[in-house]
Every structure is written in structure tokens, then in C-alpha cells.
Amino acid sequence: MKWDVVDWAMRSPVYVRPLTDAEVTALQHGLRAVDSFTVRRCQILLASARAERAPDIAHALSCGDQTVRNAIREFNAEGLASLQRESSRPKTVVPLFDQARAEQLRALLHRSPRDFGHPTSVWTLHLAAQTCASEGITPYRVSIETIRQALALLDISWRRAKHWITSPDPAYAKKNTAATG
């Protein structure tokens, strides 16, 4: 037996709760909505109110049965508010670069890219993102925008960061101070 057949057979049927007259009217009105999300939700809920099973509704509407189950559960919990599409934006976002990782990035940019096996002596955002991943500062390769935001966290402009390369000469700091004042 396939898993999907066993899984379907083991699921208990989910139906919409008994609808009030006002809810039925709102759902029928929603069938003529401009937003396709609302129309689809109304179709699902009205079919469920007719005691149709989720797989049958899904087949009739060419969608997944989990989509039907989600719509029914949301309506049972939220009522007519579930007919409005919510933002797909994540509810919480944890920044990848906290202060400690940002400081590691700062230290990385103070070194030459050649120290990490790159054929250039000038950092680019792409190169910094690649090196952060290979050096374990980040768990995966991040976008250049993430690197830019990490630099902003440190109050550093990217233009300044590109010219951080210093000489390996032990007396460099003394010579630089004497030259620049």
C-alpha cells in the first residue's frame, strides 16, 4: 500500500461547523468576490456545509485536500475573518547577524581576501558572503543584502569597508599615523 492511500484512509473527515443564516449569505456573496482566494474559500466552505468530504471538494476544485482542511479549520476557529487573505510574510524574523557575528564579519573584513585563498585583494559583498559561510560565521551562504545589513548594524558604510586592507608590515600603524597625522 502507498502512504498516501493509508494516510487518506486514516484521516477523520473534517466538516465546517453549522453555519448561521448570516454566514451562509456572506459565503454566497463571497462567491462573486474579486479576490480568487475569497471565492475559493467560499466554495470550499459551502461544499463542506453540504457534507462533502475534503478529498471530494479538493478534486472538484482542483486543489489539495490539505488546502480544503486548512480552510475548514480556519473558518471553524476564526469565522468569516478567514475569508480574507493574510500576509505571507513571516510573523517573526530572527536576524542572522547578531552583534557577535557582526563583529566576526568586521574582523574578517580587516583581513585580506588572499588570507582565505581568494585571488583578489579587495573585498566584494559577494566575496564576503561566500567567506562568511566557508569560515563558519554564518551557517549557509547569505545574500549580499544580508551582508550590507550586518555592516549597517555595525554603523559601517560598505565604501569604507572595502578599503580596510592593511599592510602586514609591523610598523604600518606607526607609519600610517605619521603620514596621515
Protein backbone atom coordinates (compact mmCIF):
# COMPACT_ATOMS: atom_id res chain seq x y z
CA MET A 1 0.00 0.00 0.00
CA LYS A 2 1.15 3.52 -0.71
CA TRP A 3 1.46 6.01 2.14
CA ASP A 4 -0.97 8.49 0.63
CA VAL A 5 -3.69 5.83 0.41
CA VAL A 6 -3.14 4.76 4.02
CA ASP A 7 -2.91 8.38 5.18
CA TRP A 8 -6.16 9.32 3.43
CA ALA A 9 -7.98 6.31 4.84
CA MET A 10 -6.82 7.05 8.40
CA ARG A 11 -7.81 10.74 8.45
CA SER A 12 -11.08 11.56 10.08
CA PRO A 13 -13.44 13.69 8.00
CA VAL A 14 -13.40 17.42 8.72
CA TYR A 15 -16.53 19.46 8.16
CA VAL A 16 -17.41 23.08 8.67
CA ARG A 17 -19.39 23.84 11.81
CA PRO A 18 -23.13 24.58 11.43
CA LEU A 19 -23.49 27.89 9.61
CA THR A 20 -25.75 30.75 10.66
CA ASP A 21 -28.04 32.38 8.09
CA ALA A 22 -25.78 35.44 8.04
CA GLU A 23 -22.72 33.27 7.35
CA VAL A 24 -24.46 31.44 4.51
CA THR A 25 -25.43 34.79 2.99
CA ALA A 26 -21.87 36.10 3.36
CA LEU A 27 -20.42 32.94 1.79
CA GLN A 28 -22.82 33.10 -1.15
CA HIS A 29 -21.96 36.76 -1.62
CA GLY A 30 -18.24 35.81 -1.43
CA LEU A 31 -18.66 33.57 -4.49
CA ARG A 32 -18.83 36.81 -6.53
CA ALA A 33 -15.81 38.44 -4.89
CA VAL A 34 -13.00 39.93 -6.94
CA ASP A 35 -10.29 38.10 -4.98
CA SER A 36 -9.90 34.49 -6.11
CA PHE A 37 -8.75 33.50 -2.63
CA THR A 38 -12.12 34.54 -1.16
CA VAL A 39 -14.06 32.81 -3.95
CA ARG A 40 -12.13 29.55 -3.41
CA ARG A 41 -12.64 29.68 0.37
CA CYS A 42 -16.37 30.27 -0.07
CA GLN A 43 -16.62 27.34 -2.49
CA ILE A 44 -14.83 25.08 -0.02
CA LEU A 45 -16.94 26.12 2.96
CA LEU A 46 -20.26 25.86 1.17
CA ALA A 47 -19.34 22.41 -0.17
CA SER A 48 -18.35 21.31 3.33
CA ALA A 49 -21.66 22.64 4.66
CA ARG A 50 -23.34 20.26 2.16
CA ALA A 51 -21.42 17.43 3.96
CA GLU A 52 -18.97 16.82 1.12
CA ARG A 53 -15.66 15.27 2.20
CA ALA A 54 -12.37 17.15 1.88
CA PRO A 55 -10.88 14.90 -0.86
CA ASP A 56 -14.05 15.25 -2.95
CA ILE A 57 -14.06 19.03 -2.57
CA ALA A 58 -10.36 19.15 -3.43
CA HIS A 59 -10.91 17.07 -6.56
CA ALA A 60 -13.83 19.23 -7.69
CA LEU A 61 -11.87 22.48 -7.13
CA SER A 62 -8.51 21.15 -8.39
CA CYS A 63 -6.66 21.82 -5.17
CA GLY A 64 -5.09 19.73 -2.43
CA ASP A 65 -7.20 18.12 0.26
CA GLN A 66 -4.94 19.70 2.90
CA THR A 67 -5.88 23.09 1.45
CA VAL A 68 -9.53 22.21 2.00
CA ARG A 69 -8.86 21.00 5.54
CA ASN A 70 -6.92 24.17 6.37
CA ALA A 71 -9.75 26.38 5.07
CA ILE A 72 -12.34 24.49 7.12
CA ARG A 73 -10.26 24.57 10.30
CA GLU A 74 -9.54 28.28 9.92
CA PHE A 75 -13.22 29.04 9.37
CA ASN A 76 -14.21 26.97 12.40
CA ALA A 77 -11.71 28.92 14.50
CA GLU A 78 -11.99 32.45 13.04
CA GLY A 79 -15.36 32.63 11.29
CA LEU A 80 -15.80 34.96 8.33
CA ALA A 81 -12.43 36.60 9.01
CA SER A 82 -10.81 33.52 7.46
CA LEU A 83 -12.13 34.61 4.04
CA GLN A 84 -9.53 37.38 3.83
CA ARG A 85 -6.05 36.51 2.61
CA GLU A 86 -3.42 37.11 5.27
CA SER A 87 0.08 38.29 4.57
CA SER A 88 2.51 35.56 3.58
CA ARG A 89 5.28 37.49 5.30
CA PRO A 90 6.85 35.61 8.21
CA LYS A 91 5.37 36.55 11.59
CA THR A 92 8.79 36.66 13.24
CA VAL A 93 12.18 37.15 11.70
CA VAL A 94 15.36 36.46 13.60
CA PRO A 95 18.29 38.31 12.10
CA LEU A 96 21.16 36.04 11.17
CA PHE A 97 23.79 38.58 12.16
CA ASP A 98 23.60 39.33 15.85
CA GLN A 99 26.21 41.60 17.43
CA ALA A 100 28.73 38.76 17.90
CA ARG A 101 28.52 37.59 14.27
CA ALA A 102 28.66 41.17 13.05
CA GLU A 103 31.91 41.66 14.98
CA GLN A 104 33.27 38.48 13.37
CA LEU A 105 32.38 40.00 10.00
CA ARG A 106 34.22 43.18 10.94
CA ALA A 107 37.30 41.16 11.86
CA LEU A 108 37.05 39.21 8.60
CA LEU A 109 36.93 42.41 6.53
CA HIS A 110 40.04 43.73 8.29
CA ARG A 111 41.98 40.83 6.76
CA SER A 112 42.89 40.39 3.13
CA PRO A 113 40.75 38.11 0.97
CA ARG A 114 44.01 36.44 -0.04
CA ASP A 115 44.26 35.07 3.53
CA PHE A 116 41.20 32.96 2.66
CA GLY A 117 42.52 31.75 -0.69
CA HIS A 118 40.83 34.30 -2.94
CA PRO A 119 42.76 35.64 -5.93
CA THR A 120 41.96 39.29 -5.17
CA SER A 121 42.97 41.77 -2.50
CA VAL A 122 39.69 43.72 -2.49
CA TRP A 123 36.53 42.59 -0.72
CA THR A 124 33.21 42.49 -2.52
CA LEU A 125 29.87 41.83 -0.84
CA HIS A 126 29.64 38.56 -2.75
CA LEU A 127 33.10 37.52 -1.61
CA ALA A 128 32.33 38.48 2.00
CA ALA A 129 29.13 36.39 1.92
CA GLN A 130 30.98 33.42 0.47
CA THR A 131 33.80 33.69 3.03
CA CYS A 132 31.39 34.06 5.96
CA ALA A 133 29.86 30.73 5.02
CA SER A 134 33.18 28.95 4.47
CA GLU A 135 34.63 30.30 7.74
CA GLY A 136 31.56 29.30 9.75
CA ILE A 137 30.43 32.83 10.64
CA THR A 138 27.10 32.01 9.01
CA PRO A 139 25.58 28.52 8.70
CA TYR A 140 24.98 28.99 4.96
CA ARG A 141 25.82 31.43 2.19
CA VAL A 142 23.81 34.58 2.73
CA SER A 143 22.79 37.25 0.25
CA ILE A 144 24.81 40.38 -0.31
CA GLU A 145 21.91 42.36 1.16
CA THR A 146 22.31 40.43 4.43
CA ILE A 147 25.99 41.40 4.50
CA ARG A 148 25.05 45.02 3.79
CA GLN A 149 22.56 45.00 6.67
CA ALA A 150 25.15 43.47 9.01
CA LEU A 151 27.53 46.28 8.13
CA ALA A 152 24.75 48.79 8.80
CA LEU A 153 24.30 47.17 12.22
CA LEU A 154 27.95 47.98 12.86
CA ASP A 155 27.40 51.53 11.53
CA ILE A 156 29.86 50.91 8.71
CA SER A 157 29.38 52.00 5.13
CA TRP A 158 30.38 49.43 2.53
CA ARG A 159 32.51 52.02 0.80
CA ARG A 160 34.70 52.31 3.91
CA ALA A 161 34.87 48.55 4.45
CA LYS A 162 36.39 47.86 1.04
CA HIS A 163 39.48 49.90 1.91
CA TRP A 164 40.25 48.30 5.25
CA ILE A 165 43.09 46.23 3.92
CA THR A 166 46.21 46.99 5.89
CA SER A 167 49.82 46.23 5.33
CA PRO A 168 51.39 43.19 7.01
CA ASP A 169 54.28 45.49 7.99
CA PRO A 170 54.55 45.51 11.83
CA ALA A 171 55.33 49.24 11.75
CA TYR A 172 52.34 50.01 9.48
CA ALA A 173 50.25 51.70 12.18
CA LYS A 174 53.13 53.98 13.19
CA LYS A 175 53.94 54.87 9.56
CA ASN A 176 50.27 55.42 8.72
CA THR A 177 49.79 57.73 11.70
CA ALA A 178 52.89 59.69 10.76
CA ALA A 179 51.71 60.00 7.14
CA THR A 180 48.06 60.88 7.82
CA GLY A 181 48.51 62.75 11.06
